[in-house]
C-alpha atoms as a PDB file:
ATOM      1  CA  MET A   1      45.051 -31.203  48.337  1.00  0.00           C
ATOM      2  CA  SER A   2      48.253 -28.194  47.982  1.00  0.00           C
ATOM      3  CA  PHE A   3      47.407 -24.959  47.125  1.00  0.00           C
ATOM      4  CA  LEU A   4      51.005 -24.258  45.766  1.00  0.00           C
ATOM      5  CA  GLU A   5      50.554 -24.827  42.149  1.00  0.00           C
ATOM      6  CA  PRO A   6      51.274 -22.847  38.694  1.00  0.00           C
ATOM      7  CA  ILE A   7      48.774 -19.958  38.381  1.00  0.00           C
ATOM      8  CA  ALA A   8      47.622 -18.992  34.805  1.00  0.00           C
ATOM      9  CA  VAL A   9      48.330 -15.302  33.429  1.00  0.00           C
ATOM     10  CA  SER A  10      45.132 -13.479  33.522  1.00  0.00           C
ATOM     11  CA  SER A  11      44.722 -12.076  36.782  1.00  0.00           C
ATOM     12  CA  ILE A  12      48.247 -12.924  38.659  1.00  0.00           C
ATOM     13  CA  ALA A  13      48.629 -11.090  41.614  1.00  0.00           C
ATOM     14  CA  LYS A  14      44.968 -11.848  42.991  1.00  0.00           C
ATOM     15  CA  GLU A  15      45.115 -15.234  42.099  1.00  0.00           C
ATOM     16  CA  ALA A  16      48.543 -15.048  44.022  1.00  0.00           C
ATOM     17  CA  PHE A  17      46.803 -13.716  47.112  1.00  0.00           C
ATOM     18  CA  HIS A  18      44.158 -15.771  46.675  1.00  0.00           C
ATOM     19  CA  LYS A  19      46.241 -18.957  46.685  1.00  0.00           C
ATOM     20  CA  LEU A  20      49.261 -17.739  48.787  1.00  0.00           C
ATOM     21  CA  THR A  21      46.313 -17.302  51.608  1.00  0.00           C
ATOM     22  CA  GLN A  22      45.271 -20.487  51.081  1.00  0.00           C
ATOM     23  CA  ALA A  23      48.749 -22.115  51.191  1.00  0.00           C
ATOM     24  CA  ILE A  24      48.935 -20.236  54.684  1.00  0.00           C
ATOM     25  CA  VAL A  25      45.250 -21.064  56.264  1.00  0.00           C
ATOM     26  CA  SER A  26      45.606 -24.821  55.182  1.00  0.00           C
ATOM     27  CA  GLY A  27      48.626 -25.084  57.042  1.00  0.00           C
ATOM     28  CA  GLU A  28      51.246 -25.452  54.140  1.00  0.00           C
ATOM     29  CA  PHE A  29      53.573 -23.064  55.851  1.00  0.00           C
ATOM     30  CA  LYS A  30      53.455 -23.178  59.783  1.00  0.00           C
ATOM     31  CA  PRO A  31      53.344 -20.452  62.039  1.00  0.00           C
ATOM     32  CA  GLY A  32      56.543 -18.459  62.323  1.00  0.00           C
ATOM     33  CA  GLU A  33      57.733 -20.065  58.713  1.00  0.00           C
ATOM     34  CA  ARG A  34      59.671 -17.618  56.639  1.00  0.00           C
ATOM     35  CA  LEU A  35      58.439 -17.058  53.149  1.00  0.00           C
ATOM     36  CA  SER A  36      60.975 -16.772  50.094  1.00  0.00           C
ATOM     37  CA  GLU A  37      59.636 -14.377  47.623  1.00  0.00           C
ATOM     38  CA  ALA A  38      62.200 -16.283  44.688  1.00  0.00           C
ATOM     39  CA  GLU A  39      60.603 -20.111  46.119  1.00  0.00           C
ATOM     40  CA  LEU A  40      57.040 -18.946  45.784  1.00  0.00           C
ATOM     41  CA  ALA A  41      57.380 -17.627  42.797  1.00  0.00           C
ATOM     42  CA  ARG A  42      59.520 -20.563  41.391  1.00  0.00           C
ATOM     43  CA  ARG A  43      56.494 -22.960  43.106  1.00  0.00           C
ATOM     44  CA  PHE A  44      53.914 -20.768  41.409  1.00  0.00           C
ATOM     45  CA  GLY A  45      55.609 -20.356  38.193  1.00  0.00           C
ATOM     46  CA  ILE A  46      55.129 -16.859  37.995  1.00  0.00           C
ATOM     47  CA  SER A  47      57.234 -13.756  38.218  1.00  0.00           C
ATOM     48  CA  ARG A  48      58.281 -11.797  42.159  1.00  0.00           C
ATOM     49  CA  GLY A  49      56.573  -8.976  41.354  1.00  0.00           C
ATOM     50  CA  PRO A  50      52.978 -10.643  42.086  1.00  0.00           C
ATOM     51  CA  ILE A  51      53.894 -12.077  45.188  1.00  0.00           C
ATOM     52  CA  ARG A  52      55.472  -9.147  46.467  1.00  0.00           C
ATOM     53  CA  GLU A  53      52.153  -7.942  45.895  1.00  0.00           C
ATOM     54  CA  ALA A  54      50.457 -10.531  47.495  1.00  0.00           C
ATOM     55  CA  LEU A  55      52.931 -10.759  50.756  1.00  0.00           C
ATOM     56  CA  GLY A  56      52.169  -6.671  50.810  1.00  0.00           C
ATOM     57  CA  ARG A  57      48.364  -7.418  51.317  1.00  0.00           C
ATOM     58  CA  LEU A  58      48.794  -9.930  53.706  1.00  0.00           C
ATOM     59  CA  GLU A  59      51.480  -8.216  56.237  1.00  0.00           C
ATOM     60  CA  GLY A  60      49.964  -7.497  59.512  1.00  0.00           C
ATOM     61  CA  LYS A  61      47.119  -9.866  58.654  1.00  0.00           C
ATOM     62  CA  LEU A  62      48.668 -13.511  58.119  1.00  0.00           C
ATOM     63  CA  VAL A  63      52.055 -12.350  57.602  1.00  0.00           C
ATOM     64  CA  ILE A  64      54.698 -10.174  59.506  1.00  0.00           C
ATOM     65  CA  ARG A  65      58.220  -8.563  58.272  1.00  0.00           C
ATOM     66  CA  THR A  66      61.185  -8.061  60.108  1.00  0.00           C
ATOM     67  CA  PRO A  67      64.049  -6.011  59.296  1.00  0.00           C
ATOM     68  CA  ARG A  68      66.884  -8.155  58.214  1.00  0.00           C
ATOM     69  CA  LEU A  69      65.061 -11.469  58.573  1.00  0.00           C
ATOM     70  CA  GLY A  70      62.151 -10.997  56.241  1.00  0.00           C
ATOM     71  CA  VAL A  71      58.270 -12.106  55.502  1.00  0.00           C
ATOM     72  CA  SER A  72      57.019 -15.264  57.970  1.00  0.00           C
ATOM     73  CA  VAL A  73      53.922 -16.236  58.762  1.00  0.00           C
ATOM     74  CA  ILE A  74      52.150 -14.910  62.345  1.00  0.00           C
ATOM     75  CA  ASP A  75      52.778 -17.243  65.176  1.00  0.00           C
ATOM     76  CA  LEU A  76      50.308 -15.730  68.126  1.00  0.00           C
ATOM     77  CA  SER A  77      50.827 -17.241  71.647  1.00  0.00           C
ATOM     78  CA  THR A  78      48.127 -18.468  73.112  1.00  0.00           C
ATOM     79  CA  GLU A  79      47.644 -15.409  74.920  1.00  0.00           C
ATOM     80  CA  LYS A  80      47.792 -13.163  72.034  1.00  0.00           C
ATOM     81  CA  LEU A  81      45.107 -15.726  70.413  1.00  0.00           C
ATOM     82  CA  VAL A  82      42.294 -15.721  73.437  1.00  0.00           C
ATOM     83  CA  GLU A  83      42.340 -11.636  73.388  1.00  0.00           C
ATOM     84  CA  LEU A  84      41.702 -11.589  69.547  1.00  0.00           C
ATOM     85  CA  PHE A  85      38.676 -13.717  70.779  1.00  0.00           C
ATOM     86  CA  ALA A  86      37.504 -11.961  73.176  1.00  0.00           C
ATOM     87  CA  VAL A  87      37.500  -8.870  71.157  1.00  0.00           C
ATOM     88  CA  ARG A  88      35.840 -11.141  68.410  1.00  0.00           C
ATOM     89  CA  GLU A  89      33.461 -12.283  70.830  1.00  0.00           C
ATOM     90  CA  ALA A  90      32.262  -8.295  71.726  1.00  0.00           C
ATOM     91  CA  LEU A  91      31.780  -8.112  68.437  1.00  0.00           C
ATOM     92  CA  GLU A  92      30.128 -10.612  66.372  1.00  0.00           C
ATOM     93  CA  GLY A  93      27.869 -10.638  69.885  1.00  0.00           C
ATOM     94  CA  MET A  94      26.830  -7.170  68.714  1.00  0.00           C
ATOM     95  CA  ALA A  95      26.746  -7.988  65.023  1.00  0.00           C
ATOM     96  CA  ALA A  96      23.866 -10.948  66.372  1.00  0.00           C
ATOM     97  CA  ARG A  97      22.077  -8.524  68.218  1.00  0.00           C
ATOM     98  CA  LEU A  98      21.931  -6.411  65.354  1.00  0.00           C
ATOM     99  CA  ALA A  99      21.129  -8.897  62.939  1.00  0.00           C
ATOM    100  CA  ALA A 100      18.000 -10.384  65.361  1.00  0.00           C
ATOM    101  CA  GLU A 101      16.835  -6.750  64.715  1.00  0.00           C
ATOM    102  CA  ARG A 102      17.259  -6.658  61.231  1.00  0.00           C
ATOM    103  CA  ILE A 103      17.903  -9.470  59.535  1.00  0.00           C
ATOM    104  CA  THR A 104      14.844 -10.321  56.477  1.00  0.00           C
ATOM    105  CA  ALA A 105      12.957 -13.615  55.734  1.00  0.00           C
ATOM    106  CA  PRO A 106      14.978 -14.221  52.464  1.00  0.00           C
ATOM    107  CA  GLU A 107      18.161 -14.271  54.232  1.00  0.00           C
ATOM    108  CA  ILE A 108      16.750 -16.567  56.970  1.00  0.00           C
ATOM    109  CA  GLU A 109      15.826 -18.950  54.865  1.00  0.00           C
ATOM    110  CA  GLU A 110      19.038 -18.346  53.360  1.00  0.00           C
ATOM    111  CA  LEU A 111      21.265 -18.545  55.842  1.00  0.00           C
ATOM    112  CA  ASN A 112      18.904 -21.837  57.043  1.00  0.00           C
ATOM    113  CA  ALA A 113      19.821 -23.414  53.372  1.00  0.00           C
ATOM    114  CA  LEU A 114      23.662 -22.702  54.020  1.00  0.00           C
ATOM    115  CA  LEU A 115      23.703 -24.908  57.292  1.00  0.00           C
ATOM    116  CA  GLU A 116      21.799 -27.646  55.825  1.00  0.00           C
ATOM    117  CA  GLN A 117      24.716 -27.540  52.654  1.00  0.00           C
ATOM    118  CA  HIS A 118      27.120 -26.879  55.734  1.00  0.00           C
ATOM    119  CA  GLY A 119      25.659 -30.443  57.711  1.00  0.00           C
ATOM    120  CA  GLY A 120      25.888 -32.031  53.864  1.00  0.00           C
ATOM    121  CA  ASN A 121      29.696 -31.740  53.860  1.00  0.00           C
ATOM    122  CA  LYS A 122      31.212 -35.123  54.335  1.00  0.00           C
ATOM    123  CA  ASP A 123      34.215 -33.506  56.492  1.00  0.00           C
ATOM    124  CA  VAL A 124      31.234 -32.092  58.697  1.00  0.00           C
ATOM    125  CA  ALA A 125      29.719 -34.937  58.938  1.00  0.00           C
ATOM    126  CA  SER A 126      32.595 -37.278  59.660  1.00  0.00           C
ATOM    127  CA  ASP A 127      33.281 -34.956  62.271  1.00  0.00           C
ATOM    128  CA  SER A 128      36.709 -34.301  61.100  1.00  0.00           C
ATOM    129  CA  GLY A 129      36.724 -30.705  59.669  1.00  0.00           C
ATOM    130  CA  TYR A 130      33.948 -27.750  59.658  1.00  0.00           C
ATOM    131  CA  TYR A 131      36.140 -25.216  57.804  1.00  0.00           C
ATOM    132  CA  GLN A 132      34.374 -21.953  55.317  1.00  0.00           C
ATOM    133  CA  GLU A 133      36.675 -20.998  53.184  1.00  0.00           C
ATOM    134  CA  GLY A 134      35.278 -18.260  50.757  1.00  0.00           C
ATOM    135  CA  GLN A 135      32.936 -14.883  52.292  1.00  0.00           C
ATOM    136  CA  ASP A 136      29.906 -16.281  50.698  1.00  0.00           C
ATOM    137  CA  ASP A 137      30.048 -19.774  52.162  1.00  0.00           C
ATOM    138  CA  ASP A 138      31.220 -18.089  55.701  1.00  0.00           C
ATOM    139  CA  PHE A 139      28.179 -18.460  58.607  1.00  0.00           C
ATOM    140  CA  HIS A 140      29.823 -15.568  60.648  1.00  0.00           C
ATOM    141  CA  PHE A 141      30.394 -13.509  57.573  1.00  0.00           C
ATOM    142  CA  ARG A 142      26.521 -13.836  56.359  1.00  0.00           C
ATOM    143  CA  ILE A 143      25.477 -12.734  59.772  1.00  0.00           C
ATOM    144  CA  VAL A 144      28.005  -9.931  59.522  1.00  0.00           C
ATOM    145  CA  ARG A 145      26.367  -8.749  56.594  1.00  0.00           C
ATOM    146  CA  SER A 146      22.899  -8.715  57.393  1.00  0.00           C
ATOM    147  CA  ALA A 147      23.636  -6.651  61.019  1.00  0.00           C
ATOM    148  CA  ARG A 148      23.706  -4.025  58.654  1.00  0.00           C
ATOM    149  CA  ASN A 149      26.251  -2.041  60.331  1.00  0.00           C
ATOM    150  CA  GLU A 150      29.447  -0.346  57.943  1.00  0.00           C
ATOM    151  CA  GLN A 151      32.382  -0.191  60.425  1.00  0.00           C
ATOM    152  CA  LEU A 152      31.362  -3.596  62.313  1.00  0.00           C
ATOM    153  CA  GLU A 153      31.486  -5.225  59.299  1.00  0.00           C
ATOM    154  CA  LEU A 154      35.224  -3.475  58.413  1.00  0.00           C
ATOM    155  CA  MET A 155      36.263  -4.537  61.877  1.00  0.00           C
ATOM    156  CA  LEU A 156      35.490  -7.791  61.503  1.00  0.00           C
ATOM    157  CA  LEU A 157      35.849  -8.772  57.736  1.00  0.00           C
ATOM    158  CA  GLU A 158      38.914  -7.128  56.621  1.00  0.00           C
ATOM    159  CA  GLU A 159      41.062  -6.462  60.084  1.00  0.00           C
ATOM    160  CA  LEU A 160      40.218  -9.490  62.670  1.00  0.00           C
ATOM    161  CA  TYR A 161      38.929 -12.306  60.501  1.00  0.00           C
ATOM    162  CA  PHE A 162      42.032 -12.154  58.264  1.00  0.00           C
ATOM    163  CA  LYS A 163      44.091 -12.802  61.872  1.00  0.00           C
ATOM    164  CA  LEU A 164      42.176 -15.330  62.688  1.00  0.00           C
ATOM    165  CA  LYS A 165      42.188 -17.247  59.346  1.00  0.00           C
ATOM    166  CA  LEU A 166      44.724 -19.928  60.493  1.00  0.00           C
ATOM    167  CA  TYR A 167      43.190 -20.372  63.747  1.00  0.00           C
ATOM    168  CA  ARG A 168      39.201 -20.857  62.493  1.00  0.00           C
ATOM    169  CA  TYR A 169      40.438 -23.349  60.078  1.00  0.00           C
ATOM    170  CA  ARG A 170      42.660 -25.522  62.726  1.00  0.00           C
ATOM    171  CA  ILE A 171      40.073 -25.504  65.545  1.00  0.00           C
ATOM    172  CA  SER A 172      38.080 -26.693  63.222  1.00  0.00           C
ATOM    173  CA  SER A 173      39.508 -29.743  62.963  1.00  0.00           C
ATOM    174  CA  THR A 174      39.594 -29.990  66.468  1.00  0.00           C
ATOM    175  CA  PRO A 175      38.084 -33.557  67.125  1.00  0.00           C
ATOM    176  CA  GLY A 176      34.632 -33.825  67.816  1.00  0.00           C
ATOM    177  CA  ARG A 177      34.270 -29.709  67.106  1.00  0.00           C
ATOM    178  CA  ALA A 178      32.562 -29.523  63.595  1.00  0.00           C
ATOM    179  CA  GLN A 179      29.383 -31.440  64.739  1.00  0.00           C
ATOM    180  CA  LYS A 180      29.254 -29.089  68.181  1.00  0.00           C
ATOM    181  CA  ALA A 181      30.126 -25.959  65.909  1.00  0.00           C
ATOM    182  CA  LEU A 182      27.266 -27.162  63.232  1.00  0.00           C
ATOM    183  CA  GLU A 183      24.861 -27.148  65.710  1.00  0.00           C
ATOM    184  CA  GLU A 184      25.743 -23.689  67.825  1.00  0.00           C
ATOM    185  CA  HIS A 185      25.296 -22.283  64.537  1.00  0.00           C
ATOM    186  CA  ARG A 186      21.704 -23.716  64.493  1.00  0.00           C
ATOM    187  CA  GLU A 187      21.235 -21.939  67.618  1.00  0.00           C
ATOM    188  CA  ILE A 188      22.350 -18.579  66.778  1.00  0.00           C
ATOM    189  CA  VAL A 189      19.865 -18.735  63.441  1.00  0.00           C
ATOM    190  CA  LYS A 190      16.834 -20.149  65.703  1.00  0.00           C
ATOM    191  CA  ALA A 191      17.883 -17.170  68.141  1.00  0.00           C
ATOM    192  CA  ILE A 192      18.287 -14.690  65.439  1.00  0.00           C
ATOM    193  CA  ALA A 193      14.936 -15.553  63.175  1.00  0.00           C
ATOM    194  CA  SER A 194      12.832 -15.538  66.572  1.00  0.00           C
ATOM    195  CA  HIS A 195      14.560 -11.447  66.804  1.00  0.00           C
ATOM    196  CA  ASN A 196      15.051 -11.832  69.915  1.00  0.00           C
ATOM    197  CA  PRO A 197      18.603  -9.514  70.389  1.00  0.00           C
ATOM    198  CA  ASP A 198      19.734 -10.957  74.077  1.00  0.00           C
ATOM    199  CA  ASN A 199      19.289 -14.697  72.887  1.00  0.00           C
ATOM    200  CA  ALA A 200      21.322 -13.922  69.318  1.00  0.00           C
ATOM    201  CA  GLU A 201      24.128 -12.436  71.224  1.00  0.00           C
ATOM    202  CA  ALA A 202      24.284 -14.649  73.953  1.00  0.00           C
ATOM    203  CA  ALA A 203      24.432 -17.850  71.664  1.00  0.00           C
ATOM    204  CA  MET A 204      27.049 -15.491  69.497  1.00  0.00           C
ATOM    205  CA  ARG A 205      29.193 -15.197  72.307  1.00  0.00           C
ATOM    206  CA  ARG A 206      28.567 -18.842  73.929  1.00  0.00           C
ATOM    207  CA  HIS A 207      29.646 -20.211  70.271  1.00  0.00           C
ATOM    208  CA  ILE A 208      32.673 -18.127  70.367  1.00  0.00           C
ATOM    209  CA  ARG A 209      33.929 -19.245  73.782  1.00  0.00           C
ATOM    210  CA  ASN A 210      33.559 -22.345  72.947  1.00  0.00           C
ATOM    211  CA  ALA A 211      35.781 -21.956  70.231  1.00  0.00           C
ATOM    212  CA  ILE A 212      38.521 -20.481  71.706  1.00  0.00           C
ATOM    213  CA  THR A 213      38.487 -23.371  74.401  1.00  0.00           C
ATOM    214  CA  ALA A 214      39.134 -25.038  71.609  1.00  0.00           C
ATOM    215  CA  ALA A 215      41.559 -23.429  70.253  1.00  0.00           C
ATOM    216  CA  ALA A 216      43.456 -23.005  73.550  1.00  0.00           C
ATOM    217  CA  SER A 217      43.550 -26.449  74.005  1.00  0.00           C
ATOM    218  CA  GLN A 218      44.698 -27.254  70.807  1.00  0.00           C
ATOM    219  CA  MET A 219      47.619 -24.798  71.012  1.00  0.00           C
ATOM    220  CA  GLU A 220      49.010 -26.322  74.487  1.00  0.00           C
ATOM    221  CA  ARG A 221      48.860 -29.931  72.764  1.00  0.00           C
ATOM    222  CA  GLY A 222      50.740 -28.586  70.343  1.00  0.00           C
ATOM    223  CA  GLU A 223      53.036 -26.553  72.647  1.00  0.00           C
ATOM    224  CA  LYS A 224      53.566 -29.908  74.665  1.00  0.00           C
ATOM    225  CA  GLU A 225      54.409 -31.776  71.535  1.00  0.00           C
ATOM    226  CA  ARG A 226      57.120 -29.637  70.252  1.00  0.00           C
ATOM    227  CA  ASN A 227      58.765 -29.609  74.005  1.00  0.00           C
ATOM    228  CA  ARG A 228      59.016 -33.449  73.844  1.00  0.00           C
ATOM    229  CA  SER A 229      60.276 -32.989  70.535  1.00  0.00           C
ATOM    230  CA  GLN A 230      62.832 -30.830  71.162  1.00  0.00           C
ATOM    231  CA  LYS A 231      64.427 -32.729  73.965  1.00  0.00           C
END
């Protein structure tokens, strides 16, 4: 399925931002690929103004602007990605710890229901992928909200998560990762529901470390394949 389809007249700028984000995250544009305002406007069937606004909102998150070269999709090195995940591990570990102290019974029920829903997803069930598109459908988003810490939420949801969106999508499709990630999510909820901050933080940190191991391995395989194709 392509996210690069014509956009309705209403809410053009917002819809352009959403569709462009999904197109980048899903891999329709590769890391380092240049993005043309004119070509995107043609593909979406809209003027260049909303495209320029969408690219501006994504700058520093999913795209970068280079003088004389224009806008391109972010392309993080393995080292930079590992650095970002180290920050994510610390912040999400804190979020899980706070959630274990502050989460309500209805929120725990909602988390369990969400994971049941994820388990029934055909991609997760076949172990081919585990991508959570919207914030309400995102397990990690729910945990951060349950922590009830405004600054932590800002750092994770508005800054770090955007930079990692592209790579979270790819990690989720690593062979064998979907079912393992789902089981790790269940362990996190179990620890949070027991209101044990130490166990909750440990479970979340373990989950993030497993994710970065999968990401680093995938990126190294990709680099080897690119090197072979260039020979």
